[in-house]
Amino acid sequence: VLLVLQPSAGQTRRRGLERLAGTIAGGVVAALLGVLLQDRLAMALAMFPLAVLAVTLRPVHYGLFTFFLTPVFVLLAEPAPGDWGLAAERIADTVLAGLLAVAASRMLWPLWEHRALADALADTVRAARRYAAAALAHAAGAGDADALAR
């Protein structure tokens, strides 16, 4: 829940969806690899590029990060080769955590960003208008531009 929870409701929703999609897809890949790779050395060789891709993509896209990281965790924690039950548990845990994070964000941030956008844009336009008036007044030599900007 804490990994998904972000400073705003919209960001939490996006992060939760990325986590959910990445973990489900990564869990499917982990289950397939768990069935196909019966040898621990083969699993280790498969985990290395997955781990490198996960670390590389972390700053770029959270969903891809979780996609490549999930098989690494699942294969690493598998009790026995071919046991794909852990992949299903990880997917179920991620779904539950995502739902809890969205519920927590609704309690902590009941307003979505787009609802405040009109007021923020209006404030920005007013500030830009005051600044432009002050700059023009200053350029024309009309006195104290700071006083005009207020």
Foldseek 3Di string as FASTA:
>chain_A
DVVLADPALVSSLVSLVLLLQLLLLLLVVLLVCLQVDQDLVVLVVVLVVLCVQLVVCVVPGVSSNSNSVNSNVCSVPDPHRNDSVVSVVSSVVSVVVSVVSSVVNCVVHVDHPVVCVVVVVVVVVLQVVLLVVLVVCVVVVVDDSVVSSD
